[in-house]
C-alpha atoms as a PDB file:
ATOM      1  CA  MET A   1      12.130 121.286 228.044  1.00  0.00           C
ATOM      2  CA  ASN A   2      14.394 119.199 227.158  1.00  0.00           C
ATOM      3  CA  HIS A   3      12.872 115.979 225.570  1.00  0.00           C
ATOM      4  CA  GLN A   4      15.483 113.310 224.074  1.00  0.00           C
ATOM      5  CA  THR A   5      14.197 110.380 221.917  1.00  0.00           C
ATOM      6  CA  ALA A   6      15.637 107.203 222.904  1.00  0.00           C
ATOM      7  CA  ASP A   7      16.837 104.929 220.072  1.00  0.00           C
ATOM      8  CA  VAL A   8      14.053 102.529 219.476  1.00  0.00           C
ATOM      9  CA  PRO A   9      14.833  99.407 217.214  1.00  0.00           C
ATOM     10  CA  PRO A  10      11.618  99.086 214.585  1.00  0.00           C
ATOM     11  CA  SER A  11       9.552  96.096 215.312  1.00  0.00           C
ATOM     12  CA  PRO A  12      10.449  93.162 213.423  1.00  0.00           C
ATOM     13  CA  ARG A  13       6.851  93.461 211.961  1.00  0.00           C
ATOM     14  CA  ALA A  14       7.929  96.785 210.227  1.00  0.00           C
ATOM     15  CA  TRP A  15      10.281  95.369 208.057  1.00  0.00           C
ATOM     16  CA  ARG A  16       7.641  92.571 206.627  1.00  0.00           C
ATOM     17  CA  LEU A  17       6.070  95.081 203.955  1.00  0.00           C
ATOM     18  CA  PRO A  18       9.293  96.501 202.610  1.00  0.00           C
ATOM     19  CA  ALA A  19      10.894  93.041 201.778  1.00  0.00           C
ATOM     20  CA  LEU A  20       7.412  91.557 200.663  1.00  0.00           C
ATOM     21  CA  CYS A  21       7.402  94.694 198.212  1.00  0.00           C
ATOM     22  CA  THR A  22      11.271  94.222 197.276  1.00  0.00           C
ATOM     23  CA  ALA A  23      10.374  90.059 196.806  1.00  0.00           C
ATOM     24  CA  LEU A  24       7.395  90.922 194.438  1.00  0.00           C
ATOM     25  CA  LEU A  25       9.201  93.235 192.313  1.00  0.00           C
ATOM     26  CA  LEU A  26      12.644  91.354 192.034  1.00  0.00           C
ATOM     27  CA  LEU A  27      10.100  88.583 191.075  1.00  0.00           C
ATOM     28  CA  LEU A  28       8.150  90.623 188.281  1.00  0.00           C
ATOM     29  CA  THR A  29      11.387  92.237 186.838  1.00  0.00           C
ATOM     30  CA  ALA A  30      12.418  88.410 186.455  1.00  0.00           C
ATOM     31  CA  CYS A  31       9.349  87.195 184.662  1.00  0.00           C
ATOM     32  CA  GLY A  32       8.598  90.482 182.281  1.00  0.00           C
ATOM     33  CA  GLY A  33      12.136  90.758 181.355  1.00  0.00           C
ATOM     34  CA  GLY A  34      11.839  89.477 177.890  1.00  0.00           C
ATOM     35  CA  GLY A  35       9.284  86.981 177.708  1.00  0.00           C
ATOM     36  CA  VAL A  36       9.933  83.132 176.666  1.00  0.00           C
ATOM     37  CA  LYS A  37      13.444  82.684 174.996  1.00  0.00           C
ATOM     38  CA  GLY A  38      15.110  79.430 173.779  1.00  0.00           C
ATOM     39  CA  GLU A  39      12.305  77.511 173.102  1.00  0.00           C
ATOM     40  CA  ALA A  40      12.255  75.402 170.279  1.00  0.00           C
ATOM     41  CA  PRO A  41       9.918  75.776 167.329  1.00  0.00           C
ATOM     42  CA  PHE A  42       6.554  74.219 167.196  1.00  0.00           C
ATOM     43  CA  VAL A  43       7.247  71.690 164.163  1.00  0.00           C
ATOM     44  CA  GLN A  44       4.314  70.027 161.562  1.00  0.00           C
ATOM     45  CA  VAL A  45       4.354  68.846 158.451  1.00  0.00           C
ATOM     46  CA  THR A  46       1.212  70.334 156.333  1.00  0.00           C
ATOM     47  CA  SER A  47       1.558  68.133 153.450  1.00  0.00           C
ATOM     48  CA  TRP A  48       3.227  64.590 152.073  1.00  0.00           C
ATOM     49  CA  ARG A  49       3.851  64.233 148.291  1.00  0.00           C
ATOM     50  CA  ILE A  50       5.605  60.884 147.212  1.00  0.00           C
ATOM     51  CA  ASP A  51       6.387  59.835 143.716  1.00  0.00           C
ATOM     52  CA  GLY A  52       8.572  56.990 143.612  1.00  0.00           C
ATOM     53  CA  ASN A  53      11.445  57.786 146.432  1.00  0.00           C
ATOM     54  CA  ALA A  54      11.126  61.545 145.785  1.00  0.00           C
ATOM     55  CA  LEU A  55       9.069  62.818 148.975  1.00  0.00           C
ATOM     56  CA  ALA A  56       8.430  66.290 148.837  1.00  0.00           C
ATOM     57  CA  VAL A  57       7.389  67.543 152.808  1.00  0.00           C
ATOM     58  CA  SER A  58       5.657  70.971 153.439  1.00  0.00           C
ATOM     59  CA  LEU A  59       7.182  71.843 156.706  1.00  0.00           C
ATOM     60  CA  ARG A  60       5.763  74.579 159.312  1.00  0.00           C
ATOM     61  CA  LEU A  61       7.851  75.852 162.257  1.00  0.00           C
ATOM     62  CA  ARG A  62       6.006  78.338 164.559  1.00  0.00           C
ATOM     63  CA  ASN A  63       8.324  80.420 166.985  1.00  0.00           C
ATOM     64  CA  VAL A  64       6.854  80.287 170.615  1.00  0.00           C
ATOM     65  CA  ASN A  65       9.346  82.732 171.746  1.00  0.00           C
ATOM     66  CA  SER A  66       8.482  86.291 172.383  1.00  0.00           C
ATOM     67  CA  GLU A  67      11.736  86.828 170.385  1.00  0.00           C
ATOM     68  CA  ALA A  68      12.590  86.309 166.794  1.00  0.00           C
ATOM     69  CA  LEU A  69      14.385  83.088 166.223  1.00  0.00           C
ATOM     70  CA  VAL A  70      17.339  82.996 163.664  1.00  0.00           C
ATOM     71  CA  VAL A  71      18.185  79.597 162.238  1.00  0.00           C
ATOM     72  CA  ASP A  72      21.509  78.480 160.780  1.00  0.00           C
ATOM     73  CA  SER A  73      20.637  74.887 160.318  1.00  0.00           C
ATOM     74  CA  ILE A  74      17.999  72.323 160.517  1.00  0.00           C
ATOM     75  CA  HIS A  75      17.929  68.621 161.121  1.00  0.00           C
ATOM     76  CA  LEU A  76      15.412  66.012 161.022  1.00  0.00           C
ATOM     77  CA  ASP A  77      14.291  62.640 161.218  1.00  0.00           C
ATOM     78  CA  ILE A  78      10.913  61.445 159.802  1.00  0.00           C
ATOM     79  CA  GLU A  79       9.051  58.013 160.830  1.00  0.00           C
ATOM     80  CA  VAL A  80       6.129  56.362 159.702  1.00  0.00           C
ATOM     81  CA  ASP A  81       4.657  53.575 161.973  1.00  0.00           C
ATOM     82  CA  ASP A  82       8.592  53.269 163.669  1.00  0.00           C
ATOM     83  CA  THR A  83      10.031  52.741 160.226  1.00  0.00           C
ATOM     84  CA  PRO A  84      12.423  55.588 159.141  1.00  0.00           C
ATOM     85  CA  LEU A  85      11.342  57.557 156.041  1.00  0.00           C
ATOM     86  CA  ALA A  86      13.621  60.364 155.535  1.00  0.00           C
ATOM     87  CA  THR A  87      16.089  62.441 156.822  1.00  0.00           C
ATOM     88  CA  HIS A  88      17.248  66.190 156.364  1.00  0.00           C
ATOM     89  CA  ILE A  89      20.119  67.979 157.140  1.00  0.00           C
ATOM     90  CA  ALA A  90      20.908  71.520 155.912  1.00  0.00           C
ATOM     91  CA  GLN A  91      22.631  74.653 156.688  1.00  0.00           C
ATOM     92  CA  GLN A  92      19.623  77.113 156.092  1.00  0.00           C
ATOM     93  CA  ARG A  93      19.638  80.396 157.664  1.00  0.00           C
ATOM     94  CA  PHE A  94      16.302  82.052 158.123  1.00  0.00           C
ATOM     95  CA  GLU A  95      14.692  83.790 160.708  1.00  0.00           C
ATOM     96  CA  ILE A  96      10.779  83.632 162.383  1.00  0.00           C
ATOM     97  CA  ALA A  97       9.542  86.497 163.734  1.00  0.00           C
ATOM     98  CA  ALA A  98       8.353  86.566 167.486  1.00  0.00           C
ATOM     99  CA  ASN A  99       5.103  84.248 167.733  1.00  0.00           C
ATOM    100  CA  GLY A 100       5.052  83.725 163.747  1.00  0.00           C
ATOM    101  CA  MET A 101       5.685  81.085 161.470  1.00  0.00           C
ATOM    102  CA  GLU A 102       8.019  79.989 158.717  1.00  0.00           C
ATOM    103  CA  SER A 103       7.125  77.740 156.225  1.00  0.00           C
ATOM    104  CA  LEU A 104       9.821  74.981 154.704  1.00  0.00           C
ATOM    105  CA  GLU A 105       9.600  73.261 151.121  1.00  0.00           C
ATOM    106  CA  LEU A 106      11.711  70.441 151.458  1.00  0.00           C
ATOM    107  CA  GLN A 107      12.614  67.910 148.550  1.00  0.00           C
ATOM    108  CA  LEU A 108      14.063  64.404 150.186  1.00  0.00           C
ATOM    109  CA  THR A 109      14.988  60.898 149.415  1.00  0.00           C
ATOM    110  CA  ALA A 110      12.836  58.684 151.032  1.00  0.00           C
ATOM    111  CA  LYS A 111      13.948  55.199 152.426  1.00  0.00           C
ATOM    112  CA  ASP A 112      12.240  51.999 150.763  1.00  0.00           C
ATOM    113  CA  ASP A 113      11.032  50.514 153.708  1.00  0.00           C
ATOM    114  CA  GLY A 114       9.213  54.561 154.522  1.00  0.00           C
ATOM    115  CA  VAL A 115       7.834  54.141 150.524  1.00  0.00           C
ATOM    116  CA  ALA A 116       6.412  50.648 151.254  1.00  0.00           C
ATOM    117  CA  ALA A 117       4.740  51.939 154.309  1.00  0.00           C
ATOM    118  CA  LEU A 118       3.241  55.123 152.257  1.00  0.00           C
ATOM    119  CA  GLU A 119       1.842  52.537 150.051  1.00  0.00           C
ATOM    120  CA  ARG A 120       0.236  50.602 152.309  1.00  0.00           C
ATOM    121  CA  LEU A 121      -1.743  53.747 153.040  1.00  0.00           C
ATOM    122  CA  SER A 122      -2.223  54.809 149.416  1.00  0.00           C
ATOM    123  CA  SER A 123      -3.945  51.456 148.621  1.00  0.00           C
ATOM    124  CA  GLY A 124      -6.243  51.934 151.596  1.00  0.00           C
ATOM    125  CA  GLU A 125      -4.742  48.570 153.461  1.00  0.00           C
ATOM    126  CA  THR A 126      -4.660  50.910 156.502  1.00  0.00           C
ATOM    127  CA  GLY A 127      -6.629  54.008 157.084  1.00  0.00           C
ATOM    128  CA  SER A 128      -3.406  55.855 158.921  1.00  0.00           C
ATOM    129  CA  LEU A 129      -0.116  55.754 159.710  1.00  0.00           C
ATOM    130  CA  ARG A 130       1.692  57.103 162.493  1.00  0.00           C
ATOM    131  CA  THR A 131       4.242  59.836 162.228  1.00  0.00           C
ATOM    132  CA  ARG A 132       7.270  60.767 164.379  1.00  0.00           C
ATOM    133  CA  ILE A 133       9.295  63.668 163.645  1.00  0.00           C
ATOM    134  CA  GLU A 134      12.608  64.332 165.774  1.00  0.00           C
ATOM    135  CA  GLY A 135      14.985  67.065 165.128  1.00  0.00           C
ATOM    136  CA  ASP A 136      16.693  70.224 166.167  1.00  0.00           C
ATOM    137  CA  VAL A 137      17.506  73.760 165.062  1.00  0.00           C
ATOM    138  CA  ILE A 138      20.651  75.519 165.538  1.00  0.00           C
ATOM    139  CA  SER A 139      20.540  78.770 166.310  1.00  0.00           C
ATOM    140  CA  PRO A 140      23.757  81.563 167.022  1.00  0.00           C
ATOM    141  CA  ASP A 141      21.548  83.038 169.994  1.00  0.00           C
ATOM    142  CA  GLU A 142      20.059  80.082 171.478  1.00  0.00           C
ATOM    143  CA  GLY A 143      22.210  77.175 170.288  1.00  0.00           C
ATOM    144  CA  ARG A 144      20.908  73.763 169.600  1.00  0.00           C
ATOM    145  CA  LEU A 145      16.864  73.562 170.079  1.00  0.00           C
ATOM    146  CA  ALA A 146      15.590  69.850 170.034  1.00  0.00           C
ATOM    147  CA  PHE A 147      11.732  69.251 168.666  1.00  0.00           C
ATOM    148  CA  HIS A 148       9.963  65.983 168.769  1.00  0.00           C
ATOM    149  CA  ARG A 149       6.101  65.527 167.413  1.00  0.00           C
ATOM    150  CA  ASP A 150       4.295  62.937 167.018  1.00  0.00           C
ATOM    151  CA  GLY A 151       1.187  62.384 165.013  1.00  0.00           C
ATOM    152  CA  HIS A 152      -0.895  60.388 161.807  1.00  0.00           C
ATOM    153  CA  ILE A 153      -0.697  61.217 158.156  1.00  0.00           C
ATOM    154  CA  TYR A 154      -4.143  60.456 156.083  1.00  0.00           C
ATOM    155  CA  THR A 155      -4.470  60.037 152.331  1.00  0.00           C
ATOM    156  CA  VAL A 156      -6.112  62.972 150.341  1.00  0.00           C
ATOM    157  CA  PRO A 157      -8.910  61.638 148.726  1.00  0.00           C
ATOM    158  CA  GLY A 158      -8.463  61.674 144.693  1.00  0.00           C
ATOM    159  CA  ARG A 159      -4.488  62.624 145.107  1.00  0.00           C
ATOM    160  CA  PRO A 160      -2.828  59.453 144.660  1.00  0.00           C
ATOM    161  CA  GLY A 161       0.901  59.746 145.960  1.00  0.00           C
ATOM    162  CA  ASN A 162      -0.806  63.044 148.691  1.00  0.00           C
ATOM    163  CA  PHE A 163      -1.021  62.980 152.108  1.00  0.00           C
ATOM    164  CA  ARG A 164      -1.898  65.183 155.033  1.00  0.00           C
END
């Protein structure tokens, strides 16, 4: 008996499962390859202290990336109630661990109009001030990463010139 098998092409359905598996594998590889990378840090002022035009700001930067973020410089502009308060530009090299935080203590010179707004808050003329912090960090690996944060500040009871 001589049996010959004919070359029968596989049905189109036979290719669907391997193609679907390949597509899913490529998608999972792309999504899981290194996690979040290249996002700007989350920036928050944890305390403010003013004495004349000398403004001390405690700044917390949280790295939302799953890889360490090296920072070579930082720039930020701070406003209170749409009034410029202070600007900070510095070549400052530091590293924020993956999903970690770094605190910076900044000594700034406050602008007169911003100081007047803080004095209104200190005197009780207003209960809070809107704040806006905009800026960026420069990373040798990620380039310029811009950040923006809106919020409010309030007086610290019993501590004139201190805000949170």
